[in-house]
Protein backbone atom coordinates (compact mmCIF):
# COMPACT_ATOMS: atom_id res chain seq x y z
CA MET A 1 61.00 113.79 -7.55
CA ILE A 2 63.72 112.58 -9.90
CA VAL A 3 67.13 112.00 -8.30
CA ILE A 4 70.12 112.37 -10.59
CA LYS A 5 73.15 110.48 -9.33
CA LEU A 6 76.37 111.90 -10.74
CA LYS A 7 79.53 109.94 -11.46
CA PRO A 8 82.29 110.32 -8.82
CA HIS A 9 84.77 112.17 -11.04
CA ILE A 10 82.36 114.29 -13.06
CA ALA A 11 83.81 117.56 -14.35
CA VAL A 12 82.63 120.85 -12.90
CA LYS A 13 81.64 121.97 -16.40
CA GLN A 14 79.36 118.96 -16.73
CA ILE A 15 77.67 119.67 -13.39
CA SER A 16 77.10 123.26 -14.48
CA GLY A 17 75.56 122.02 -17.71
CA ILE A 18 73.13 119.74 -15.84
CA ILE A 19 72.13 122.51 -13.45
CA ASN A 20 71.61 124.96 -16.33
CA LEU A 21 69.40 122.45 -18.13
CA ILE A 22 67.26 121.98 -15.03
CA GLU A 23 66.89 125.70 -14.41
CA LYS A 24 66.16 126.56 -18.06
CA SER A 25 63.42 123.90 -18.01
CA GLY A 26 61.72 125.72 -15.13
CA TYR A 27 62.78 123.47 -12.25
CA ILE A 28 64.88 124.06 -9.13
CA PRO A 29 67.93 121.80 -8.64
CA ASN A 30 68.50 120.56 -5.07
CA ILE A 31 72.09 119.43 -4.67
CA SER A 32 73.43 117.13 -1.95
CA LYS A 33 76.53 115.04 -1.33
CA SER A 34 76.26 111.62 0.25
CA ASP A 35 79.11 109.15 0.77
CA GLY A 36 81.27 111.06 -1.70
CA VAL A 37 78.61 111.01 -4.42
CA THR A 38 76.71 114.09 -5.61
CA HIS A 39 72.96 113.89 -6.14
CA ILE A 40 70.66 116.46 -7.73
CA GLY A 41 66.97 116.29 -6.86
CA VAL A 42 64.42 117.75 -9.29
CA ILE A 43 60.81 118.16 -8.17
CA GLY A 44 58.01 118.41 -10.74
CA ASP A 45 56.38 116.42 -13.52
CA GLU A 46 58.49 113.27 -13.41
CA GLN A 47 57.67 112.17 -16.95
CA ALA A 48 58.64 115.58 -18.33
CA ILE A 49 61.84 115.67 -16.28
CA LEU A 50 62.90 112.23 -17.49
CA LYS A 51 62.52 113.41 -21.09
CA LEU A 52 65.12 116.16 -20.63
CA PRO A 53 68.38 115.39 -22.52
CA PHE A 54 70.53 114.74 -19.44
CA ARG A 55 72.42 111.85 -21.03
CA ARG A 56 73.87 114.06 -23.73
CA LEU A 57 75.69 116.09 -21.07
CA GLY A 58 77.54 113.08 -19.68
CA GLY A 59 78.66 112.43 -16.13
CA ILE A 60 75.37 110.90 -14.97
CA ALA A 61 75.46 107.50 -13.25
CA ALA A 62 71.72 106.97 -12.77
CA LEU A 63 68.25 108.54 -12.74
CA SER A 64 65.68 107.34 -10.22
CA ARG A 65 62.33 108.26 -8.67
CA THR A 66 61.69 108.74 -4.95
CA THR A 67 58.73 106.77 -3.66
CA LYS A 68 58.14 108.63 -0.37
CA PRO A 69 55.94 111.76 -0.17
CA PHE A 70 58.81 113.57 1.59
CA LYS A 71 61.34 114.01 -1.18
CA LEU A 72 64.31 116.08 -0.02
CA THR A 73 64.23 115.00 3.63
CA GLY A 74 64.19 111.26 2.96
CA ARG A 75 67.03 108.76 2.89
CA GLU A 76 66.16 107.89 -0.71
CA TYR A 77 67.46 111.31 -1.72
CA LYS A 78 70.42 111.41 0.66
CA SER A 79 71.72 108.41 2.57
CA ALA A 80 74.43 110.16 4.61
CA ASP A 81 73.52 112.17 7.71
CA THR A 82 73.21 115.91 7.23
CA GLN A 83 75.34 118.00 9.56
CA VAL A 84 74.07 121.46 10.48
CA LYS A 85 76.56 124.05 11.67
CA ALA A 86 75.79 126.96 14.01
CA GLY A 87 78.88 128.90 15.01
CA HIS A 88 81.45 126.28 16.02
CA THR A 89 78.72 123.77 16.92
CA VAL A 90 77.82 120.94 14.54
CA LEU A 91 74.58 118.99 14.89
CA GLY A 92 74.26 115.57 13.32
CA GLY A 93 77.75 114.27 13.98
CA ARG A 94 79.14 111.98 16.68
CA LYS A 95 78.97 114.72 19.30
CA VAL A 96 75.62 115.13 21.08
CA VAL A 97 74.75 118.84 21.19
CA VAL A 98 73.02 120.27 24.25
CA MET A 99 71.16 123.57 23.96
CA ALA A 100 70.23 125.15 27.27
CA GLY A 101 68.94 128.36 28.77
CA PRO A 102 65.82 130.05 30.09
CA CYS A 103 62.42 129.58 28.49
CA ALA A 104 62.08 133.36 28.31
CA VAL A 105 64.62 136.17 28.27
CA GLU A 106 63.89 138.28 31.34
CA SER A 107 66.99 140.48 31.69
CA TYR A 108 70.62 140.69 30.61
CA PRO A 109 72.03 139.62 34.02
CA GLN A 110 69.61 136.68 34.12
CA VAL A 111 70.56 135.35 30.69
CA LEU A 112 74.30 136.01 31.11
CA GLY A 113 74.41 134.17 34.44
CA ILE A 114 72.57 131.15 33.06
CA ALA A 115 74.62 131.15 29.85
CA ARG A 116 77.90 131.07 31.74
CA ALA A 117 76.65 128.27 33.97
CA VAL A 118 75.38 126.03 31.17
CA LYS A 119 78.50 126.63 29.08
CA LYS A 120 80.70 125.62 32.00
CA ALA A 121 78.64 122.43 32.33
CA GLY A 122 79.09 121.59 28.64
CA ALA A 123 76.23 123.18 26.71
CA THR A 124 77.28 124.55 23.33
CA VAL A 125 74.14 126.48 22.28
CA LEU A 126 72.16 129.06 24.28
CA ARG A 127 68.39 128.90 24.08
CA GLY A 128 66.08 131.72 25.14
CA GLY A 129 62.73 133.07 24.03
CA ALA A 130 62.38 136.73 23.03
CA PHE A 131 58.92 136.22 21.52
CA LYS A 132 56.69 134.01 23.65
CA PRO A 133 53.44 132.88 22.04
CA ARG A 134 51.41 131.73 25.04
CA THR A 135 48.11 129.91 25.45
CA SER A 136 46.79 132.90 27.40
CA PRO A 137 47.05 136.40 25.90
CA TYR A 138 47.51 137.69 29.46
CA SER A 139 50.69 135.68 30.10
CA PHE A 140 54.17 137.17 29.65
CA GLN A 141 54.74 137.51 25.89
CA GLY A 142 58.49 138.14 25.93
CA LEU A 143 60.74 141.19 25.58
CA LYS A 144 60.66 140.94 21.79
CA GLU A 145 63.49 142.88 20.06
CA GLU A 146 64.96 143.92 23.39
CA GLY A 147 65.17 140.22 24.23
CA LEU A 148 66.94 139.54 20.93
CA LYS A 149 69.47 142.25 21.71
CA ILE A 150 70.11 140.66 25.11
CA LEU A 151 70.70 137.25 23.52
CA ALA A 152 73.12 138.77 21.01
CA ALA A 153 75.00 140.59 23.78
CA VAL A 154 75.30 137.38 25.79
CA ARG A 155 76.58 135.55 22.71
CA GLN A 156 79.26 138.21 22.43
CA GLN A 157 80.29 137.56 26.03
CA THR A 158 80.16 133.75 25.99
CA GLY A 159 80.68 132.68 22.39
CA LEU A 160 77.55 130.52 22.52
CA PRO A 161 75.43 130.53 19.35
CA VAL A 162 71.79 131.46 19.99
CA VAL A 163 68.57 129.61 19.17
CA THR A 164 65.32 131.54 19.57
CA GLU A 165 61.80 131.31 18.20
CA VAL A 166 60.38 133.24 15.29
CA ILE A 167 56.59 133.33 15.30
CA SER A 168 55.61 135.02 12.03
CA SER A 169 56.86 135.31 8.47
CA SER A 170 57.06 139.09 8.89
CA GLY A 171 59.43 138.63 11.84
CA VAL A 172 61.96 136.36 10.09
CA GLY A 173 64.18 139.23 8.98
CA LEU A 174 64.32 140.74 12.47
CA VAL A 175 65.07 137.47 14.29
CA SER A 176 67.62 136.45 11.63
CA ARG A 177 69.68 139.55 12.41
CA TYR A 178 70.24 138.35 15.98
CA ALA A 179 69.86 134.55 16.07
CA ASP A 180 72.10 131.74 14.83
CA ILE A 181 69.30 129.16 14.74
CA LEU A 182 65.67 130.01 13.98
CA GLN A 183 63.20 127.96 16.02
CA ILE A 184 59.76 127.09 14.65
CA GLY A 185 57.51 126.20 17.59
CA ALA A 186 55.06 123.31 17.72
CA ARG A 187 52.08 125.60 17.10
CA ASN A 188 53.69 126.89 13.90
CA MET A 189 54.88 123.59 12.46
CA GLN A 190 52.31 123.84 9.66
CA ASN A 191 52.51 127.60 9.17
CA TYR A 192 53.62 127.14 5.58
CA ALA A 193 54.22 130.82 4.83
CA LEU A 194 56.59 130.95 7.80
CA LEU A 195 58.33 127.72 6.74
CA GLU A 196 58.93 129.06 3.25
CA GLU A 197 60.27 132.34 4.64
CA VAL A 198 62.85 130.66 6.90
CA GLY A 199 63.70 128.42 3.96
CA LYS A 200 64.89 131.49 2.07
CA THR A 201 67.30 132.53 4.83
CA ARG A 202 69.73 129.56 4.63
CA LYS A 203 70.08 129.86 8.42
CA PRO A 204 69.77 126.70 10.54
CA VAL A 205 66.14 126.01 11.46
CA LEU A 206 65.01 124.04 14.51
CA LEU A 207 61.60 122.61 13.59
CA LYS A 208 59.50 121.32 16.47
CA ARG A 209 56.93 118.59 15.96
CA GLY A 210 53.34 119.78 16.34
CA MET A 211 51.54 118.54 19.41
CA MET A 212 49.13 116.45 17.30
CA SER A 213 51.26 115.83 14.22
CA THR A 214 52.47 112.59 12.70
CA LEU A 215 56.10 112.02 11.78
CA GLU A 216 55.21 112.21 8.11
CA GLU A 217 53.56 115.60 8.69
CA LEU A 218 56.72 116.75 10.48
CA LEU A 219 58.87 115.70 7.52
CA MET A 220 56.50 117.32 5.04
CA SER A 221 56.82 120.57 7.00
CA ALA A 222 60.60 120.24 6.81
CA GLU A 223 60.16 119.68 3.09
CA TYR A 224 58.78 123.22 2.73
CA ILE A 225 62.05 124.59 4.14
CA LEU A 226 64.34 122.41 2.05
CA ALA A 227 62.33 123.11 -1.10
CA GLN A 228 63.26 126.78 -0.74
CA GLY A 229 66.93 125.82 -0.86
CA ASN A 230 67.73 125.67 2.87
CA PRO A 231 69.14 122.23 3.82
CA ASN A 232 69.96 123.27 7.40
CA VAL A 233 67.01 121.80 9.28
CA ILE A 234 67.04 120.22 12.74
CA LEU A 235 64.00 118.16 13.75
CA CYS A 236 62.78 118.28 17.34
CA GLU A 237 60.57 115.76 19.12
CA ARG A 238 58.88 117.63 21.99
CA GLY A 239 56.04 115.34 22.96
CA ILE A 240 52.56 114.95 21.53
CA ARG A 241 49.14 115.41 23.09
CA THR A 242 47.48 112.19 24.26
CA PHE A 243 44.88 111.25 26.87
CA GLU A 244 47.56 111.20 29.63
CA LYS A 245 47.09 114.02 32.15
CA TYR A 246 50.05 113.53 34.49
CA THR A 247 52.55 115.04 32.06
CA ARG A 248 52.28 118.14 29.89
CA ASN A 249 52.75 116.00 26.76
CA THR A 250 53.66 112.40 25.97
CA LEU A 251 57.21 111.96 24.69
CA ASP A 252 57.27 109.73 21.62
CA ILE A 253 60.69 108.22 22.31
CA SER A 254 60.30 105.82 19.37
CA ALA A 255 60.19 108.86 17.09
CA VAL A 256 63.93 109.34 17.59
CA PRO A 257 65.22 106.06 16.09
CA LEU A 258 62.37 106.01 13.56
CA LEU A 259 63.18 109.49 12.27
CA LYS A 260 66.86 108.54 12.11
CA GLN A 261 65.83 105.74 9.74
CA MET A 262 63.47 107.89 7.67
CA THR A 263 65.51 111.08 7.27
CA HIS A 264 69.08 112.31 7.01
CA LEU A 265 68.30 115.41 9.12
CA PRO A 266 69.55 115.76 12.73
CA VAL A 267 67.00 114.83 15.41
CA ILE A 268 66.93 116.35 18.88
CA VAL A 269 64.57 116.09 21.87
CA ASP A 270 62.99 118.72 24.11
CA PRO A 271 62.56 116.96 27.49
CA SER A 272 61.26 120.11 29.15
CA HIS A 273 58.15 120.49 26.99
CA ALA A 274 57.79 116.73 26.60
CA THR A 275 57.16 116.29 30.31
CA GLY A 276 56.35 119.71 31.73
CA ILE A 277 57.77 118.52 35.06
CA ARG A 278 61.29 119.43 36.12
CA SER A 279 61.81 116.22 38.11
CA LEU A 280 61.34 114.18 34.91
CA VAL A 281 63.69 116.17 32.68
CA ALA A 282 66.83 114.25 33.65
CA ALA A 283 65.35 110.79 33.07
CA VAL A 284 63.85 111.72 29.71
CA SER A 285 67.10 113.38 28.63
CA LYS A 286 69.04 110.21 29.37
CA ALA A 287 66.51 108.06 27.53
CA SER A 288 66.70 110.35 24.49
CA ILE A 289 70.48 110.05 24.19
CA ALA A 290 70.25 106.28 24.59
CA ALA A 291 67.64 106.20 21.82
CA GLY A 292 70.00 107.98 19.43
CA ALA A 293 69.09 111.67 19.64
CA ASP A 294 71.63 114.06 18.15
CA GLY A 295 70.96 116.63 20.85
CA LEU A 296 68.73 118.09 23.54
CA ILE A 297 67.17 121.47 24.20
CA ILE A 298 66.69 122.00 27.94
CA GLU A 299 65.17 124.85 29.93
CA VAL A 300 67.40 126.11 32.76
CA HIS A 301 66.61 128.88 35.24
CA THR A 302 68.41 130.07 38.38
CA ASN A 303 65.11 130.40 40.23
CA PRO A 304 62.46 128.30 38.46
CA ASP A 305 59.71 129.17 40.92
CA LYS A 306 60.08 132.84 40.01
CA ALA A 307 60.44 132.32 36.25
CA LEU A 308 58.17 134.40 34.02
CA SER A 309 57.56 131.41 31.75
CA ASP A 310 57.51 127.62 32.26
CA GLY A 311 59.33 127.56 35.57
CA PHE A 312 57.62 124.28 36.48
CA GLN A 313 59.63 122.47 33.80
CA SER A 314 62.93 124.34 34.21
CA ILE A 315 65.87 122.86 36.11
CA THR A 316 68.53 124.82 38.01
CA PRO A 317 72.13 125.27 36.81
CA ILE A 318 73.30 122.88 39.54
CA GLU A 319 70.83 120.21 38.39
CA PHE A 320 71.88 120.82 34.81
CA SER A 321 75.55 120.32 35.66
CA ARG A 322 74.79 117.00 37.36
CA LEU A 323 72.71 115.93 34.37
CA MET A 324 75.51 116.72 31.93
CA THR A 325 77.85 114.45 33.90
CA ASP A 326 75.35 111.58 33.60
CA LEU A 327 74.66 112.30 29.94
CA SER A 328 78.37 112.08 29.17
CA LYS A 329 78.43 108.51 30.48
CA ILE A 330 75.37 107.50 28.45
CA ALA A 331 76.74 109.13 25.31
CA HIS A 332 79.98 107.17 25.76
CA ALA A 333 77.98 103.94 26.11
CA VAL A 334 76.37 104.52 22.68
CA ASN A 335 79.70 105.50 21.06
CA ARG A 336 79.09 109.25 21.16
CA THR A 337 80.38 112.23 23.11
CA ILE A 338 78.85 115.26 24.85
């Protein structure tokens, strides 16, 4: 990719001229602002791109190549942190964002009760699964569109933006009508048709790391979304599969600071799936904030033992409230807020 760095006081007409040249040459311009400077990324034959008459248009400070395989997600392209907005919530800033709610939407009263409880405790995004791709085809698969309608109704009551999973490219349109953030689950991290489809929506996308994927593979999956013109991607570390049997997955805590070095995208952690054990959720949540995570996504249920999905890793609203108090102290210690 060629990165075009524009001069600070470039005229709008000059920017339009550069963009028109790129588009007429058959390339897609990817525009970002970093530290007050505008950059335009152009992916394609680098030699051919460099031969385009950019200099004649004026306003260009520098042309450079990116050396990493992940072009648009890397710090070489954009040095400043990207901030992703969902409703009134902003991910990637000084405030640590906590998303919380049930693994699966079971009923309107269930979701509303949990939503009110987690909002009171400080959560600013409601999570809940309407489509539940499970290991077993005989397990509860979710309420589907009825579940989406419940989430939307609860958002209306509480004001909490909604994050929920979309499991197929054909379902993106449906889920987009109800959700504020589209979640791509670990099993779909390399479903490239799905990634391209959510990239066309411009809606925020929460991309979970695959259970056996490297960080570079995660960033390359994010690249599919950004390449379609959607810069609103949130990366999620949710544990990877190792030889350890005492936890559901193994949380790669080093992935948090490492990703923060590699990419400008927000990075959050899913302590529920990372451990699979509700008694470990609090400790892992605290460690994630201390390591620099921009947020958490936590499963909360009023009666975990009766939950239709993943009750063994869900904490109660009371436990969640206590955790939020502790997280506030840790966030303050690392110069952030909850």
